[in-house]
Amino acid sequence: MTPMQMPEKAFPVSWDQFHRDARALAWRLNGAGPFDAIVTVTRGGLVPAAIVARELNLRLIETICVSSYEHVRQGELKVLKGVASELVQRSGGGGKGVLIVDDLVDTGKTARVVRDLLPKAHFATVYAKPMGRPLVDTFITEVSQDTWIVFPWDSGLAFQPPIRAEGR
């Protein structure tokens, strides 16, 4: 696959669908707390974290900035900004009472780095793929490992060909 080519199995998600899925995540998380703070994995976790924070009335929001994708390919993992030490030390260390939110767990490489920093935190994603699923506590939708989720912030309105085109 070239850098500008989309994988064959694409799963486009609209803004409406993503909002519904993020709210569904908040419903599930409502019984899993209580949570004192959210750590969101940038950039993909920013949107669901905002929705979850609103729904659960959480005001303390921190980011961990991790770079792992180059358009549609996973690249080298880099932690660009860590988590504030106050959150890591919460409730005796390990991040107890902290909710980690991301849009997706894919291979689990990013999740493992964040989990190592906050092993007692509750990790939640909107979407999960099989390789990364064991690293999260709560998710809404599982997709196959070879599916590329096209998030609404990565797409625009355009024609979508049928899944099964004529002659195929």
C-alpha atoms as a PDB file:
ATOM      1  CA  MET A   1       0.000   0.000   0.000  1.00  0.00           C
ATOM      2  CA  THR A   2       1.426   3.370  -0.972  1.00  0.00           C
ATOM      3  CA  PRO A   3       1.235   6.219   1.576  1.00  0.00           C
ATOM      4  CA  MET A   4      -1.755   7.866  -0.164  1.00  0.00           C
ATOM      5  CA  GLN A   5      -3.675   4.621  -0.798  1.00  0.00           C
ATOM      6  CA  MET A   6      -6.459   3.641   1.551  1.00  0.00           C
ATOM      7  CA  PRO A   7      -6.656   0.028   2.728  1.00  0.00           C
ATOM      8  CA  GLU A   8      -9.180  -2.178   0.956  1.00  0.00           C
ATOM      9  CA  LYS A   9     -11.293  -2.566   4.112  1.00  0.00           C
ATOM     10  CA  ALA A  10     -12.234   0.962   5.071  1.00  0.00           C
ATOM     11  CA  PHE A  11     -14.825   1.745   7.747  1.00  0.00           C
ATOM     12  CA  PRO A  12     -15.943   5.373   7.317  1.00  0.00           C
ATOM     13  CA  VAL A  13     -17.440   6.958  10.427  1.00  0.00           C
ATOM     14  CA  SER A  14     -19.580  10.112  10.201  1.00  0.00           C
ATOM     15  CA  TRP A  15     -19.607  12.864  12.813  1.00  0.00           C
ATOM     16  CA  ASP A  16     -23.083  11.755  13.900  1.00  0.00           C
ATOM     17  CA  GLN A  17     -22.022   8.140  14.286  1.00  0.00           C
ATOM     18  CA  PHE A  18     -18.865   9.072  16.159  1.00  0.00           C
ATOM     19  CA  HIS A  19     -20.837  11.286  18.541  1.00  0.00           C
ATOM     20  CA  ARG A  20     -23.308   8.448  19.216  1.00  0.00           C
ATOM     21  CA  ASP A  21     -20.464   5.988  19.783  1.00  0.00           C
ATOM     22  CA  ALA A  22     -18.629   8.381  22.131  1.00  0.00           C
ATOM     23  CA  ARG A  23     -21.827   8.951  24.111  1.00  0.00           C
ATOM     24  CA  ALA A  24     -22.339   5.182  24.285  1.00  0.00           C
ATOM     25  CA  LEU A  25     -18.822   4.953  25.700  1.00  0.00           C
ATOM     26  CA  ALA A  26     -19.753   7.541  28.341  1.00  0.00           C
ATOM     27  CA  TRP A  27     -22.837   5.482  29.278  1.00  0.00           C
ATOM     28  CA  ARG A  28     -20.656   2.418  29.819  1.00  0.00           C
ATOM     29  CA  LEU A  29     -18.086   4.397  31.769  1.00  0.00           C
ATOM     30  CA  ASN A  30     -20.689   5.979  34.038  1.00  0.00           C
ATOM     31  CA  GLY A  31     -20.878   2.778  36.069  1.00  0.00           C
ATOM     32  CA  ALA A  32     -17.135   2.077  35.981  1.00  0.00           C
ATOM     33  CA  GLY A  33     -15.946   5.133  37.925  1.00  0.00           C
ATOM     34  CA  PRO A  34     -15.801   7.279  39.797  1.00  0.00           C
ATOM     35  CA  PHE A  35     -13.152   9.140  37.854  1.00  0.00           C
ATOM     36  CA  ASP A  36     -11.392  12.301  38.996  1.00  0.00           C
ATOM     37  CA  ALA A  37      -9.637  13.144  35.734  1.00  0.00           C
ATOM     38  CA  ILE A  38      -9.275  12.212  32.089  1.00  0.00           C
ATOM     39  CA  VAL A  39      -6.022  11.665  30.255  1.00  0.00           C
ATOM     40  CA  THR A  40      -6.629  11.812  26.533  1.00  0.00           C
ATOM     41  CA  VAL A  41      -4.256  10.418  23.942  1.00  0.00           C
ATOM     42  CA  THR A  42      -3.691  13.061  21.286  1.00  0.00           C
ATOM     43  CA  ARG A  43      -4.791  13.636  18.708  1.00  0.00           C
ATOM     44  CA  GLY A  44      -7.480  11.034  18.130  1.00  0.00           C
ATOM     45  CA  GLY A  45      -8.607  10.916  21.744  1.00  0.00           C
ATOM     46  CA  LEU A  46      -9.379  14.630  21.961  1.00  0.00           C
ATOM     47  CA  VAL A  47     -12.873  14.454  20.452  1.00  0.00           C
ATOM     48  CA  PRO A  48     -14.175  11.452  22.408  1.00  0.00           C
ATOM     49  CA  ALA A  49     -12.560  12.797  25.602  1.00  0.00           C
ATOM     50  CA  ALA A  50     -14.460  16.072  25.213  1.00  0.00           C
ATOM     51  CA  ILE A  51     -17.739  14.185  24.814  1.00  0.00           C
ATOM     52  CA  VAL A  52     -17.020  11.806  27.709  1.00  0.00           C
ATOM     53  CA  ALA A  53     -15.896  14.712  29.932  1.00  0.00           C
ATOM     54  CA  ARG A  54     -19.155  16.533  29.255  1.00  0.00           C
ATOM     55  CA  GLU A  55     -21.319  13.468  29.862  1.00  0.00           C
ATOM     56  CA  LEU A  56     -19.524  12.455  33.073  1.00  0.00           C
ATOM     57  CA  ASN A  57     -19.081  16.053  34.280  1.00  0.00           C
ATOM     58  CA  LEU A  58     -15.298  15.772  34.484  1.00  0.00           C
ATOM     59  CA  ARG A  59     -13.319  19.022  34.434  1.00  0.00           C
ATOM     60  CA  LEU A  60      -9.725  17.870  34.914  1.00  0.00           C
ATOM     61  CA  ILE A  61      -8.434  16.896  31.479  1.00  0.00           C
ATOM     62  CA  GLU A  62      -4.794  16.130  30.686  1.00  0.00           C
ATOM     63  CA  THR A  63      -3.132  15.017  27.481  1.00  0.00           C
ATOM     64  CA  ILE A  64      -0.444  12.572  26.608  1.00  0.00           C
ATOM     65  CA  CYS A  65       0.925  13.363  23.183  1.00  0.00           C
ATOM     66  CA  VAL A  66       1.974  10.309  21.197  1.00  0.00           C
ATOM     67  CA  SER A  67       2.884  10.165  17.542  1.00  0.00           C
ATOM     68  CA  SER A  68       2.508   6.786  15.879  1.00  0.00           C
ATOM     69  CA  TYR A  69       0.827   7.235  12.492  1.00  0.00           C
ATOM     70  CA  GLU A  70       2.012   8.641   9.208  1.00  0.00           C
ATOM     71  CA  HIS A  71      -1.265   9.104   7.341  1.00  0.00           C
ATOM     72  CA  VAL A  72      -2.463   5.479   6.985  1.00  0.00           C
ATOM     73  CA  ARG A  73       0.648   3.619   8.166  1.00  0.00           C
ATOM     74  CA  GLN A  74       1.885   3.088  11.677  1.00  0.00           C
ATOM     75  CA  GLY A  75       5.321   4.603  12.037  1.00  0.00           C
ATOM     76  CA  GLU A  76       7.791   4.938  14.855  1.00  0.00           C
ATOM     77  CA  LEU A  77       6.189   5.549  18.255  1.00  0.00           C
ATOM     78  CA  LYS A  78       7.232   8.809  19.927  1.00  0.00           C
ATOM     79  CA  VAL A  79       5.991  10.252  23.224  1.00  0.00           C
ATOM     80  CA  LEU A  80       6.014  13.990  22.553  1.00  0.00           C
ATOM     81  CA  LYS A  81       4.548  15.004  25.946  1.00  0.00           C
ATOM     82  CA  GLY A  82       4.035  12.851  29.005  1.00  0.00           C
ATOM     83  CA  VAL A  83       1.370  12.987  31.699  1.00  0.00           C
ATOM     84  CA  ALA A  84       1.536  15.517  34.540  1.00  0.00           C
ATOM     85  CA  SER A  85       3.193  13.930  37.574  1.00  0.00           C
ATOM     86  CA  GLU A  86       0.249  14.950  39.813  1.00  0.00           C
ATOM     87  CA  LEU A  87      -2.010  12.580  37.877  1.00  0.00           C
ATOM     88  CA  VAL A  88       0.507   9.743  37.893  1.00  0.00           C
ATOM     89  CA  GLN A  89       0.815  10.068  41.688  1.00  0.00           C
ATOM     90  CA  ARG A  90      -2.959  10.233  42.306  1.00  0.00           C
ATOM     91  CA  SER A  91      -4.309   7.841  44.940  1.00  0.00           C
ATOM     92  CA  GLY A  92      -0.938   6.400  45.867  1.00  0.00           C
ATOM     93  CA  GLY A  93       0.527   6.261  42.367  1.00  0.00           C
ATOM     94  CA  GLY A  94      -0.343   4.554  39.124  1.00  0.00           C
ATOM     95  CA  GLY A  95      -3.222   6.833  38.201  1.00  0.00           C
ATOM     96  CA  LYS A  96      -6.070   5.275  40.202  1.00  0.00           C
ATOM     97  CA  GLY A  97      -9.252   7.255  39.535  1.00  0.00           C
ATOM     98  CA  VAL A  98      -7.921   8.434  36.172  1.00  0.00           C
ATOM     99  CA  LEU A  99      -9.740   7.650  32.940  1.00  0.00           C
ATOM    100  CA  ILE A 100      -7.648   7.291  29.776  1.00  0.00           C
ATOM    101  CA  VAL A 101      -9.582   7.991  26.565  1.00  0.00           C
ATOM    102  CA  ASP A 102      -8.541   7.357  22.971  1.00  0.00           C
ATOM    103  CA  ASP A 103     -10.419   6.967  19.710  1.00  0.00           C
ATOM    104  CA  LEU A 104      -8.984   3.555  18.836  1.00  0.00           C
ATOM    105  CA  VAL A 105      -6.712   0.811  20.062  1.00  0.00           C
ATOM    106  CA  ASP A 106      -5.041  -0.805  17.047  1.00  0.00           C
ATOM    107  CA  THR A 107      -1.891  -2.878  17.578  1.00  0.00           C
ATOM    108  CA  GLY A 108      -1.670  -1.815  21.225  1.00  0.00           C
ATOM    109  CA  LYS A 109       1.725  -0.095  20.934  1.00  0.00           C
ATOM    110  CA  THR A 110       0.400   3.313  22.012  1.00  0.00           C
ATOM    111  CA  ALA A 111      -1.876   1.785  24.637  1.00  0.00           C
ATOM    112  CA  ARG A 112       1.042  -0.142  26.153  1.00  0.00           C
ATOM    113  CA  VAL A 113       3.098   3.056  26.562  1.00  0.00           C
ATOM    114  CA  VAL A 114       0.187   4.854  28.237  1.00  0.00           C
ATOM    115  CA  ARG A 115      -0.672   1.807  30.376  1.00  0.00           C
ATOM    116  CA  ASP A 116       2.919   1.650  31.610  1.00  0.00           C
ATOM    117  CA  LEU A 117       2.650   5.259  32.819  1.00  0.00           C
ATOM    118  CA  LEU A 118      -0.773   4.798  34.438  1.00  0.00           C
ATOM    119  CA  PRO A 119      -1.195   1.098  35.246  1.00  0.00           C
ATOM    120  CA  LYS A 120      -4.105   1.636  37.674  1.00  0.00           C
ATOM    121  CA  ALA A 121      -6.084   3.923  35.342  1.00  0.00           C
ATOM    122  CA  HIS A 122      -9.173   2.792  33.449  1.00  0.00           C
ATOM    123  CA  PHE A 123      -8.463   2.722  29.693  1.00  0.00           C
ATOM    124  CA  ALA A 124     -11.386   3.328  27.320  1.00  0.00           C
ATOM    125  CA  THR A 125     -11.569   3.590  23.535  1.00  0.00           C
ATOM    126  CA  VAL A 126     -14.426   4.045  21.128  1.00  0.00           C
ATOM    127  CA  TYR A 127     -13.122   1.402  18.718  1.00  0.00           C
ATOM    128  CA  ALA A 128     -10.875  -1.623  19.258  1.00  0.00           C
ATOM    129  CA  LYS A 129      -8.994  -4.034  17.038  1.00  0.00           C
ATOM    130  CA  PRO A 130      -8.158  -7.568  18.227  1.00  0.00           C
ATOM    131  CA  MET A 131      -4.402  -7.024  18.783  1.00  0.00           C
ATOM    132  CA  GLY A 132      -4.975  -4.059  21.106  1.00  0.00           C
ATOM    133  CA  ARG A 133      -8.269  -5.052  22.707  1.00  0.00           C
ATOM    134  CA  PRO A 134      -6.703  -6.807  25.748  1.00  0.00           C
ATOM    135  CA  LEU A 135      -5.078  -3.506  26.765  1.00  0.00           C
ATOM    136  CA  VAL A 136      -8.341  -1.571  27.164  1.00  0.00           C
ATOM    137  CA  ASP A 137     -10.948  -1.946  29.880  1.00  0.00           C
ATOM    138  CA  THR A 138     -13.916  -0.528  27.978  1.00  0.00           C
ATOM    139  CA  PHE A 139     -14.701  -0.039  24.277  1.00  0.00           C
ATOM    140  CA  ILE A 140     -17.803   0.236  22.094  1.00  0.00           C
ATOM    141  CA  THR A 141     -17.132  -1.377  18.697  1.00  0.00           C
ATOM    142  CA  GLU A 142     -14.618  -3.990  17.617  1.00  0.00           C
ATOM    143  CA  VAL A 143     -13.407  -4.037  14.008  1.00  0.00           C
ATOM    144  CA  SER A 144     -11.080  -6.498  12.285  1.00  0.00           C
ATOM    145  CA  GLN A 145      -7.347  -5.902  12.452  1.00  0.00           C
ATOM    146  CA  ASP A 146      -7.141  -5.228   8.690  1.00  0.00           C
ATOM    147  CA  THR A 147      -9.862  -2.549   8.718  1.00  0.00           C
ATOM    148  CA  TRP A 148      -8.920   1.116   8.494  1.00  0.00           C
ATOM    149  CA  ILE A 149     -11.318   3.389  10.365  1.00  0.00           C
ATOM    150  CA  VAL A 150     -11.811   6.644   8.482  1.00  0.00           C
ATOM    151  CA  PHE A 151     -12.604   9.168  11.191  1.00  0.00           C
ATOM    152  CA  PRO A 152     -14.747  12.194  10.353  1.00  0.00           C
ATOM    153  CA  TRP A 153     -11.867  14.608  10.970  1.00  0.00           C
ATOM    154  CA  ASP A 154      -9.832  12.753   8.337  1.00  0.00           C
ATOM    155  CA  SER A 155     -12.409  12.853   5.560  1.00  0.00           C
ATOM    156  CA  GLY A 156     -14.696  15.042   3.522  1.00  0.00           C
ATOM    157  CA  LEU A 157     -17.883  14.406   1.626  1.00  0.00           C
ATOM    158  CA  ALA A 158     -17.137  12.377  -1.479  1.00  0.00           C
ATOM    159  CA  PHE A 159     -18.576   9.577  -3.567  1.00  0.00           C
ATOM    160  CA  GLN A 160     -18.147   6.142  -2.031  1.00  0.00           C
ATOM    161  CA  PRO A 161     -18.106   3.201  -4.467  1.00  0.00           C
ATOM    162  CA  PRO A 162     -20.244   0.171  -3.567  1.00  0.00           C
ATOM    163  CA  ILE A 163     -18.499  -2.518  -1.538  1.00  0.00           C
ATOM    164  CA  ARG A 164     -19.107  -5.007  -4.344  1.00  0.00           C
ATOM    165  CA  ALA A 165     -18.663  -3.257  -7.674  1.00  0.00           C
ATOM    166  CA  GLU A 166     -20.012  -4.669 -10.945  1.00  0.00           C
ATOM    167  CA  GLY A 167     -17.692  -7.181 -12.546  1.00  0.00           C
ATOM    168  CA  ARG A 168     -15.952  -8.139  -9.293  1.00  0.00           C
END
